[in-house]
Protein backbone atom coordinates (compact mmCIF):
# COMPACT_ATOMS: atom_id res chain seq x y z
CA MET A 1 -52.12 -83.07 34.39
CA SER A 2 -51.48 -86.02 32.00
CA ARG A 3 -48.14 -85.94 30.36
CA THR A 4 -48.76 -88.78 27.86
CA SER A 5 -48.73 -88.98 24.09
CA GLU A 6 -49.62 -91.58 21.20
CA ILE A 7 -48.30 -90.87 17.59
CA THR A 8 -48.33 -92.99 14.62
CA ARG A 9 -46.48 -92.11 11.43
CA ASN A 10 -46.77 -94.04 8.41
CA THR A 11 -44.75 -93.58 5.25
CA ALA A 12 -43.57 -95.51 2.20
CA GLU A 13 -40.43 -96.57 4.03
CA THR A 14 -41.60 -97.05 7.77
CA ASP A 15 -44.58 -97.72 9.97
CA ILE A 16 -43.78 -96.27 13.58
CA SER A 17 -46.32 -96.36 16.43
CA ILE A 18 -45.09 -94.86 19.95
CA LYS A 19 -46.91 -94.27 23.18
CA VAL A 20 -45.12 -92.13 26.01
CA ASN A 21 -45.79 -91.54 29.35
CA LEU A 22 -43.43 -88.93 31.02
CA ASP A 23 -44.70 -89.73 34.45
CA GLY A 24 -44.45 -93.56 34.41
CA SER A 25 -42.47 -96.30 36.28
CA GLY A 26 -39.95 -97.19 33.52
CA ASP A 27 -42.19 -99.87 31.91
CA TYR A 28 -41.57 -100.65 28.18
CA LYS A 29 -42.39 -102.90 25.29
CA ILE A 30 -40.18 -102.01 22.54
CA GLU A 31 -40.11 -103.93 19.18
CA THR A 32 -37.89 -102.42 16.28
CA GLY A 33 -36.41 -105.60 14.72
CA ASN A 34 -32.98 -104.75 16.00
CA GLY A 35 -32.07 -106.02 19.34
CA MET A 36 -29.27 -103.42 20.07
CA PHE A 37 -31.64 -100.65 19.17
CA ASP A 38 -34.22 -102.20 21.38
CA HIS A 39 -31.76 -102.39 24.16
CA LEU A 40 -30.60 -98.79 23.88
CA LEU A 41 -34.33 -97.47 23.71
CA ALA A 42 -34.98 -99.30 26.71
CA GLN A 43 -32.55 -97.55 28.70
CA ILE A 44 -34.64 -94.07 28.05
CA SER A 45 -37.46 -95.77 29.76
CA ARG A 46 -35.81 -97.65 32.59
CA HIS A 47 -33.47 -95.09 33.76
CA GLY A 48 -35.92 -91.99 32.64
CA LEU A 49 -38.77 -93.52 34.53
CA ILE A 50 -40.74 -92.97 31.39
CA ASP A 51 -43.15 -95.68 30.10
CA LEU A 52 -42.47 -96.26 26.50
CA GLU A 53 -44.37 -98.47 23.86
CA ILE A 54 -42.57 -98.54 20.55
CA SER A 55 -43.47 -100.56 17.49
CA ALA A 56 -41.44 -99.84 14.45
CA LYS A 57 -41.37 -101.75 11.02
CA GLY A 58 -39.74 -100.78 7.91
CA ASP A 59 -37.73 -101.09 4.68
CA THR A 60 -34.96 -102.74 6.66
CA HIS A 61 -33.65 -104.59 3.59
CA VAL A 62 -31.92 -101.58 2.49
CA GLY A 63 -30.42 -101.11 5.89
CA TRP A 64 -31.43 -99.68 9.37
CA HIS A 65 -31.22 -95.71 8.64
CA HIS A 66 -34.89 -95.05 7.78
CA LEU A 67 -36.40 -97.14 10.54
CA VAL A 68 -33.70 -95.64 13.12
CA GLU A 69 -34.55 -91.98 11.86
CA ASP A 70 -38.14 -92.28 11.79
CA THR A 71 -38.37 -93.90 15.05
CA ALA A 72 -36.22 -90.70 16.42
CA ILE A 73 -38.57 -88.46 14.62
CA VAL A 74 -41.76 -89.84 16.34
CA LEU A 75 -40.25 -90.43 19.66
CA GLY A 76 -39.14 -86.80 19.67
CA LYS A 77 -42.48 -85.59 18.61
CA SER A 78 -44.20 -87.92 21.19
CA PHE A 79 -42.01 -86.19 24.02
CA LYS A 80 -42.65 -82.78 22.50
CA GLU A 81 -46.52 -83.43 22.88
CA ALA A 82 -46.32 -84.78 26.15
CA VAL A 83 -44.29 -81.99 27.50
CA GLY A 84 -46.78 -79.56 26.03
CA GLU A 85 -46.22 -75.84 27.60
CA GLY A 86 -43.73 -77.41 30.05
CA ARG A 87 -45.27 -75.67 33.14
CA GLY A 88 -43.30 -76.26 36.28
CA ILE A 89 -40.63 -78.24 34.85
CA VAL A 90 -37.03 -77.74 35.90
CA ARG A 91 -36.03 -77.63 32.19
CA MET A 92 -32.34 -78.30 32.64
CA GLY A 93 -30.67 -81.41 33.75
CA HIS A 94 -27.09 -83.11 33.46
CA THR A 95 -25.81 -86.53 34.46
CA PHE A 96 -22.57 -88.21 34.53
CA VAL A 97 -23.09 -92.02 33.83
CA PRO A 98 -20.22 -94.60 34.25
CA LEU A 99 -20.44 -98.11 32.77
CA ASP A 100 -17.16 -99.97 33.56
CA GLU A 101 -14.59 -98.20 31.73
CA ALA A 102 -16.98 -95.71 29.82
CA LEU A 103 -17.95 -92.54 31.50
CA VAL A 104 -20.46 -90.16 29.61
CA LEU A 105 -21.70 -86.49 30.41
CA THR A 106 -24.96 -85.45 29.13
CA VAL A 107 -26.53 -82.11 29.56
CA ILE A 108 -30.04 -81.15 28.41
CA ASP A 109 -31.97 -77.91 28.35
CA TYR A 110 -35.75 -78.65 27.41
CA SER A 111 -36.01 -75.09 25.86
CA GLY A 112 -38.31 -75.92 22.87
CA ARG A 113 -35.15 -75.49 20.52
CA GLY A 114 -33.96 -78.74 19.03
CA TYR A 115 -29.94 -78.55 18.87
CA SER A 116 -27.26 -81.27 19.55
CA ILE A 117 -23.64 -81.51 19.94
CA ILE A 118 -22.58 -85.20 20.18
CA ASP A 119 -18.95 -85.98 20.93
CA SER A 120 -18.78 -89.70 20.75
CA PRO A 121 -16.14 -91.98 19.45
CA LEU A 122 -18.18 -94.91 18.47
CA THR A 123 -16.68 -97.36 15.96
CA GLU A 124 -18.55 -100.41 14.41
CA SER A 125 -17.52 -103.27 16.81
CA ASP A 126 -19.92 -104.63 19.78
CA LEU A 127 -22.92 -102.92 18.39
CA GLY A 128 -24.88 -105.97 17.01
CA ASP A 129 -25.93 -104.97 13.66
CA LEU A 130 -26.65 -101.21 14.47
CA PRO A 131 -24.34 -99.17 12.45
CA SER A 132 -22.46 -96.64 15.06
CA ASP A 133 -23.24 -93.54 13.14
CA LEU A 134 -27.10 -94.46 13.33
CA ILE A 135 -26.71 -93.83 17.17
CA ARG A 136 -25.52 -90.34 16.59
CA HIS A 137 -28.24 -89.69 14.11
CA PHE A 138 -30.84 -90.91 16.44
CA MET A 139 -29.71 -88.54 19.19
CA GLU A 140 -29.38 -85.47 16.89
CA THR A 141 -32.84 -86.22 15.44
CA PHE A 142 -34.65 -87.03 18.72
CA ALA A 143 -33.31 -83.69 20.01
CA ARG A 144 -34.33 -81.74 17.00
CA GLU A 145 -37.78 -83.11 16.87
CA GLY A 146 -38.16 -83.40 20.66
CA GLY A 147 -37.38 -79.51 20.88
CA PHE A 148 -34.60 -79.88 23.21
CA ASN A 149 -30.85 -78.73 23.48
CA LEU A 150 -28.42 -82.00 23.88
CA HIS A 151 -24.73 -81.98 24.60
CA LEU A 152 -23.26 -85.46 25.14
CA THR A 153 -19.73 -85.84 25.47
CA VAL A 154 -17.90 -89.11 26.11
CA MET A 155 -15.37 -88.71 28.76
CA ALA A 156 -13.84 -92.28 28.71
CA GLY A 157 -14.43 -95.57 27.08
CA MET A 158 -13.02 -98.24 24.91
CA ASN A 159 -15.92 -100.74 24.56
CA ASN A 160 -18.55 -99.29 22.17
CA HIS A 161 -21.32 -101.30 23.61
CA HIS A 162 -20.59 -99.60 27.15
CA ILE A 163 -20.20 -96.30 25.49
CA ALA A 164 -23.55 -96.54 23.70
CA GLU A 165 -25.57 -97.92 26.73
CA ALA A 166 -23.85 -95.34 28.90
CA SER A 167 -24.93 -92.79 26.75
CA PHE A 168 -28.46 -93.56 26.59
CA LYS A 169 -28.81 -93.96 30.40
CA SER A 170 -27.29 -90.44 30.71
CA ILE A 171 -29.71 -88.98 28.12
CA ALA A 172 -32.53 -90.76 30.33
CA ARG A 173 -31.36 -89.33 33.50
CA SER A 174 -30.85 -85.96 32.16
CA LEU A 175 -34.35 -86.18 30.78
CA LYS A 176 -35.90 -87.18 33.99
CA THR A 177 -34.29 -84.22 35.80
CA ALA A 178 -35.15 -81.92 33.30
CA LEU A 179 -38.89 -82.87 32.94
CA SER A 180 -39.41 -83.20 36.66
CA PHE A 181 -41.47 -80.68 38.34
CA ASP A 182 -39.97 -78.18 40.38
CA PRO A 183 -42.48 -77.27 43.29
CA ARG A 184 -41.30 -73.58 43.43
CA GLN A 185 -42.23 -73.09 39.78
CA GLY A 186 -45.84 -73.97 40.36
CA GLU A 187 -47.79 -73.27 36.99
CA ASN A 188 -44.96 -71.05 35.61
CA ILE A 189 -42.59 -71.66 32.95
CA ALA A 190 -38.98 -71.62 33.19
CA SER A 191 -38.31 -69.04 30.74
CA THR A 192 -38.01 -65.18 30.77
CA LYS A 193 -39.87 -65.21 27.52
CA GLY A 194 -42.96 -66.94 29.26
CA THR A 195 -42.74 -69.81 26.76
CA ILE A 196 -40.65 -73.02 25.44
CA SER A 197 -43.39 -74.19 23.08
CA ASP A 198 -43.52 -71.35 20.66
């Protein structure tokens, strides 16, 4: 079973193309025009062992909001399409990730219901030209469009770069666990409803 997707979304504000392979090896090619955003997205690929190709262009002369938000929309839809019915997946995953003084806990339930609680004290320093609030907005939009429940709590940290990077690594590791196959599930779906896609 191939767990891949390829989605392109063109609007008057952005042009986003994303390819996802959930069963990859962590290879990525990411070009958004924002170095810090590229760096954070790369963590999802490398630490989730998910192959990603992301090309994002847009009206960045008005700021990074449209491009970051629309990338999250397309990435979430791509994950949702690749997961499909979710037969055999573990469904839930949690990960503590440290990076120097930073420590982040992420818990994911790939339930088909997009929801998020993000407890992250990011401020504006050490993030290049990526506004800190857009990091939170990306996570919220990714979870909503991807159809998964995301709880992220920063347990410790002072350096914004460390906090942001640990957060994306933690999301990646939790997704890797949640989307891995449980051999005891077989073709079953981990839900008493019998579905996580409807």
